[in-house]
Amino acid sequence: MDDWIDQLAAALGEEPLSQEEMNRLLGVARDVAHRVERKVTPLAAFLLGLAVGRNVSAGAGRPDAMAAALETLRTALPENRPEDRPEDRPEG
């Protein structure tokens, strides 16, 4: 996986992800998949990338831009998984 993602970064003209960045991104992807819905995970990742790119373009370093975007995502995540929320349980 690391080789492929490094190749993709190079093809896109981006620096490769550090191990810490990979771990953080995979962690939030897991959180979105389990606490929101699996199918929105790539959409959330896309929006995170847009936010990071915008902040980097405005002068922030990539680590700071990523930290800010991930913090925003974490505050937007619901506390519980959908099946644990009363409003998301099937009528029964």
N, C-alpha and C. Protein backbone atom coordinates (compact mmCIF):
# COMPACT_ATOMS: atom_id res chain seq x y z
N MET A 1 0.83 -1.18 0.00
CA MET A 1 0.00 0.00 0.00
C MET A 1 0.87 1.25 0.00
N ASP A 2 1.91 1.29 0.84
CA ASP A 2 2.75 2.49 0.93
C ASP A 2 3.38 2.83 -0.42
N ASP A 3 3.84 1.81 -1.15
CA ASP A 3 4.47 2.07 -2.45
C ASP A 3 3.47 2.71 -3.41
N TRP A 4 2.26 2.17 -3.45
CA TRP A 4 1.26 2.70 -4.37
C TRP A 4 0.88 4.13 -4.01
N ILE A 5 0.66 4.39 -2.73
CA ILE A 5 0.25 5.74 -2.34
C ILE A 5 1.39 6.74 -2.58
N ASP A 6 2.63 6.30 -2.42
CA ASP A 6 3.77 7.16 -2.75
C ASP A 6 3.82 7.44 -4.26
N GLN A 7 3.52 6.43 -5.06
CA GLN A 7 3.48 6.61 -6.52
C GLN A 7 2.37 7.58 -6.91
N LEU A 8 1.23 7.46 -6.25
CA LEU A 8 0.13 8.38 -6.54
C LEU A 8 0.52 9.81 -6.17
N ALA A 9 1.14 9.98 -5.00
CA ALA A 9 1.57 11.32 -4.59
C ALA A 9 2.51 11.91 -5.63
N ALA A 10 3.47 11.12 -6.10
CA ALA A 10 4.42 11.60 -7.11
C ALA A 10 3.70 11.96 -8.41
N ALA A 11 2.76 11.12 -8.83
CA ALA A 11 2.02 11.38 -10.06
C ALA A 11 1.20 12.66 -9.96
N LEU A 12 0.74 12.99 -8.74
CA LEU A 12 -0.04 14.21 -8.52
C LEU A 12 0.83 15.42 -8.24
N GLY A 13 2.16 15.19 -8.17
CA GLY A 13 3.07 16.28 -7.89
C GLY A 13 3.07 16.70 -6.43
N GLU A 14 2.75 15.77 -5.54
CA GLU A 14 2.70 16.05 -4.11
C GLU A 14 3.80 15.30 -3.37
N GLU A 15 4.15 15.80 -2.19
CA GLU A 15 5.08 15.09 -1.33
C GLU A 15 4.40 13.83 -0.81
N PRO A 16 5.16 12.75 -0.62
CA PRO A 16 4.55 11.55 -0.06
C PRO A 16 4.03 11.83 1.35
N LEU A 17 3.05 11.06 1.75
CA LEU A 17 2.52 11.16 3.10
C LEU A 17 3.52 10.56 4.08
N SER A 18 3.67 11.20 5.23
CA SER A 18 4.49 10.61 6.28
C SER A 18 3.70 9.47 6.94
N GLN A 19 4.38 8.65 7.69
CA GLN A 19 3.69 7.56 8.40
C GLN A 19 2.65 8.13 9.37
N GLU A 20 3.00 9.24 10.03
CA GLU A 20 2.05 9.87 10.95
C GLU A 20 0.81 10.37 10.21
N GLU A 21 1.03 11.00 9.05
CA GLU A 21 -0.12 11.48 8.27
C GLU A 21 -1.00 10.31 7.83
N MET A 22 -0.38 9.23 7.38
CA MET A 22 -1.16 8.06 6.97
C MET A 22 -1.98 7.53 8.14
N ASN A 23 -1.35 7.41 9.30
CA ASN A 23 -2.06 6.88 10.47
C ASN A 23 -3.23 7.77 10.87
N ARG A 24 -3.01 9.08 10.85
CA ARG A 24 -4.09 10.01 11.22
C ARG A 24 -5.23 9.96 10.21
N LEU A 25 -4.89 9.95 8.93
CA LEU A 25 -5.93 9.91 7.90
C LEU A 25 -6.72 8.61 7.93
N LEU A 26 -6.02 7.50 8.11
CA LEU A 26 -6.72 6.22 8.19
C LEU A 26 -7.61 6.16 9.44
N GLY A 27 -7.14 6.77 10.52
CA GLY A 27 -7.95 6.81 11.74
C GLY A 27 -9.23 7.60 11.57
N VAL A 28 -9.14 8.79 10.94
CA VAL A 28 -10.36 9.57 10.76
C VAL A 28 -11.27 8.93 9.71
N ALA A 29 -10.68 8.27 8.72
CA ALA A 29 -11.51 7.55 7.74
C ALA A 29 -12.30 6.45 8.44
N ARG A 30 -11.65 5.75 9.34
CA ARG A 30 -12.34 4.71 10.13
C ARG A 30 -13.46 5.34 10.95
N ASP A 31 -13.17 6.48 11.58
CA ASP A 31 -14.19 7.14 12.41
C ASP A 31 -15.39 7.57 11.58
N VAL A 32 -15.14 8.14 10.40
CA VAL A 32 -16.25 8.55 9.53
C VAL A 32 -17.05 7.32 9.11
N ALA A 33 -16.37 6.27 8.70
CA ALA A 33 -17.06 5.06 8.24
C ALA A 33 -17.93 4.45 9.33
N HIS A 34 -17.45 4.47 10.56
CA HIS A 34 -18.18 3.80 11.64
C HIS A 34 -19.16 4.72 12.36
N ARG A 35 -18.87 6.01 12.41
CA ARG A 35 -19.72 6.91 13.17
C ARG A 35 -20.67 7.73 12.32
N VAL A 36 -20.45 7.73 11.00
CA VAL A 36 -21.38 8.41 10.09
C VAL A 36 -21.93 7.35 9.15
N GLU A 37 -21.21 7.09 8.07
CA GLU A 37 -21.61 6.05 7.12
C GLU A 37 -20.43 5.77 6.20
N ARG A 38 -20.23 4.51 5.91
CA ARG A 38 -19.07 4.09 5.12
C ARG A 38 -18.99 4.81 3.78
N LYS A 39 -20.12 4.97 3.10
CA LYS A 39 -20.08 5.52 1.75
C LYS A 39 -19.70 7.00 1.70
N VAL A 40 -19.76 7.72 2.83
CA VAL A 40 -19.36 9.12 2.81
C VAL A 40 -17.88 9.31 3.13
N THR A 41 -17.18 8.23 3.46
CA THR A 41 -15.77 8.34 3.81
C THR A 41 -14.93 8.97 2.69
N PRO A 42 -15.05 8.52 1.42
CA PRO A 42 -14.24 9.18 0.38
C PRO A 42 -14.64 10.63 0.16
N LEU A 43 -15.90 10.95 0.39
CA LEU A 43 -16.34 12.34 0.24
C LEU A 43 -15.72 13.22 1.33
N ALA A 44 -15.69 12.70 2.55
CA ALA A 44 -15.06 13.43 3.64
C ALA A 44 -13.57 13.61 3.36
N ALA A 45 -12.92 12.57 2.83
CA ALA A 45 -11.49 12.67 2.51
C ALA A 45 -11.25 13.73 1.44
N PHE A 46 -12.12 13.81 0.46
CA PHE A 46 -12.00 14.82 -0.58
C PHE A 46 -12.12 16.22 0.02
N LEU A 47 -13.13 16.42 0.87
CA LEU A 47 -13.32 17.72 1.50
C LEU A 47 -12.14 18.09 2.39
N LEU A 48 -11.59 17.11 3.11
CA LEU A 48 -10.39 17.36 3.91
C LEU A 48 -9.24 17.84 3.01
N GLY A 49 -9.06 17.17 1.89
CA GLY A 49 -8.00 17.55 0.96
C GLY A 49 -8.18 18.96 0.43
N LEU A 50 -9.42 19.34 0.12
CA LEU A 50 -9.69 20.70 -0.33
C LEU A 50 -9.32 21.71 0.75
N ALA A 51 -9.72 21.42 1.98
CA ALA A 51 -9.44 22.34 3.08
C ALA A 51 -7.94 22.47 3.33
N VAL A 52 -7.23 21.36 3.30
CA VAL A 52 -5.79 21.39 3.49
C VAL A 52 -5.13 22.20 2.37
N GLY A 53 -5.52 21.93 1.14
CA GLY A 53 -4.95 22.65 0.00
C GLY A 53 -5.21 24.14 0.08
N ARG A 54 -6.42 24.52 0.48
CA ARG A 54 -6.76 25.94 0.60
C ARG A 54 -5.88 26.61 1.66
N ASN A 55 -5.72 25.93 2.81
CA ASN A 55 -4.90 26.52 3.88
C ASN A 55 -3.42 26.57 3.52
N VAL A 56 -2.94 25.58 2.80
CA VAL A 56 -1.55 25.60 2.34
C VAL A 56 -1.36 26.75 1.34
N SER A 57 -2.32 26.92 0.44
CA SER A 57 -2.24 28.03 -0.52
C SER A 57 -2.25 29.39 0.17
N ALA A 58 -2.88 29.44 1.33
CA ALA A 58 -2.93 30.69 2.09
C ALA A 58 -1.68 30.91 2.94
N GLY A 59 -0.75 29.94 2.90
CA GLY A 59 0.52 30.13 3.60
C GLY A 59 0.79 29.20 4.75
N ALA A 60 -0.17 28.37 5.14
CA ALA A 60 0.05 27.43 6.25
C ALA A 60 0.94 26.28 5.77
N GLY A 61 1.67 25.69 6.68
CA GLY A 61 2.41 24.48 6.36
C GLY A 61 1.47 23.30 6.30
N ARG A 62 1.84 22.27 5.57
CA ARG A 62 0.96 21.11 5.44
C ARG A 62 0.60 20.49 6.79
N PRO A 63 1.55 20.32 7.71
CA PRO A 63 1.16 19.72 9.01
C PRO A 63 0.11 20.55 9.75
N ASP A 64 0.26 21.88 9.75
CA ASP A 64 -0.72 22.73 10.43
C ASP A 64 -2.06 22.72 9.71
N ALA A 65 -2.02 22.74 8.39
CA ALA A 65 -3.26 22.72 7.61
C ALA A 65 -4.01 21.41 7.83
N MET A 66 -3.27 20.31 7.87
CA MET A 66 -3.90 19.01 8.09
C MET A 66 -4.46 18.93 9.50
N ALA A 67 -3.71 19.42 10.48
CA ALA A 67 -4.19 19.38 11.87
C ALA A 67 -5.48 20.18 12.01
N ALA A 68 -5.56 21.34 11.39
CA ALA A 68 -6.76 22.16 11.47
C ALA A 68 -7.95 21.46 10.82
N ALA A 69 -7.74 20.87 9.66
CA ALA A 69 -8.83 20.18 8.96
C ALA A 69 -9.30 18.97 9.76
N LEU A 70 -8.36 18.21 10.32
CA LEU A 70 -8.73 17.03 11.10
C LEU A 70 -9.46 17.42 12.38
N GLU A 71 -9.07 18.51 12.99
CA GLU A 71 -9.77 18.97 14.19
C GLU A 71 -11.20 19.38 13.85
N THR A 72 -11.38 20.06 12.74
CA THR A 72 -12.73 20.43 12.30
C THR A 72 -13.57 19.19 12.06
N LEU A 73 -12.98 18.19 11.39
CA LEU A 73 -13.70 16.94 11.15
C LEU A 73 -14.08 16.28 12.47
N ARG A 74 -13.14 16.21 13.40
CA ARG A 74 -13.43 15.55 14.68
C ARG A 74 -14.57 16.25 15.42
N THR A 75 -14.64 17.57 15.36
CA THR A 75 -15.73 18.26 16.04
C THR A 75 -17.07 18.05 15.33
N ALA A 76 -17.02 17.73 14.04
CA ALA A 76 -18.25 17.50 13.27
C ALA A 76 -18.76 16.07 13.38
N LEU A 77 -17.91 15.15 13.84
CA LEU A 77 -18.33 13.75 13.95
C LEU A 77 -19.34 13.56 15.06
N PRO A 78 -20.36 12.75 14.82
CA PRO A 78 -21.27 12.42 15.92
C PRO A 78 -20.53 11.60 16.98
N GLU A 79 -21.02 11.66 18.21
CA GLU A 79 -20.39 10.93 19.31
C GLU A 79 -20.49 9.42 19.15
N ASN A 80 -21.62 8.97 18.64
CA ASN A 80 -21.89 7.54 18.56
C ASN A 80 -22.05 7.07 17.13
N ARG A 81 -21.95 5.75 16.99
CA ARG A 81 -22.21 5.14 15.69
C ARG A 81 -23.70 5.25 15.40
N PRO A 82 -24.12 5.22 14.12
CA PRO A 82 -25.54 5.37 13.78
C PRO A 82 -26.44 4.39 14.52
N GLU A 83 -26.03 3.14 14.63
CA GLU A 83 -26.88 2.15 15.29
C GLU A 83 -26.99 2.37 16.79
N ASP A 84 -26.11 3.20 17.35
CA ASP A 84 -26.16 3.50 18.78
C ASP A 84 -27.01 4.73 19.09
N ARG A 85 -27.40 5.49 18.06
CA ARG A 85 -28.18 6.70 18.26
C ARG A 85 -29.67 6.35 18.19
N PRO A 86 -30.45 6.76 19.17
CA PRO A 86 -31.89 6.42 19.19
C PRO A 86 -32.60 6.85 17.91
N GLU A 87 -32.27 8.03 17.38
CA GLU A 87 -32.96 8.52 16.18
C GLU A 87 -32.64 7.71 14.94
N ASP A 88 -31.57 6.92 14.97
CA ASP A 88 -31.18 6.13 13.80
C ASP A 88 -31.53 4.65 13.94
N ARG A 89 -32.17 4.29 15.04
CA ARG A 89 -32.56 2.89 15.20
C ARG A 89 -33.84 2.62 14.43
N PRO A 90 -33.94 1.42 13.82
CA PRO A 90 -35.17 1.09 13.10
C PRO A 90 -36.35 1.02 14.07
N GLU A 91 -37.51 1.40 13.57
CA GLU A 91 -38.73 1.30 14.38
C GLU A 91 -38.96 -0.17 14.72
N GLY A 92 -39.41 -0.41 15.92
CA GLY A 92 -39.58 -1.82 16.28
C GLY A 92 -40.56 -2.10 17.30
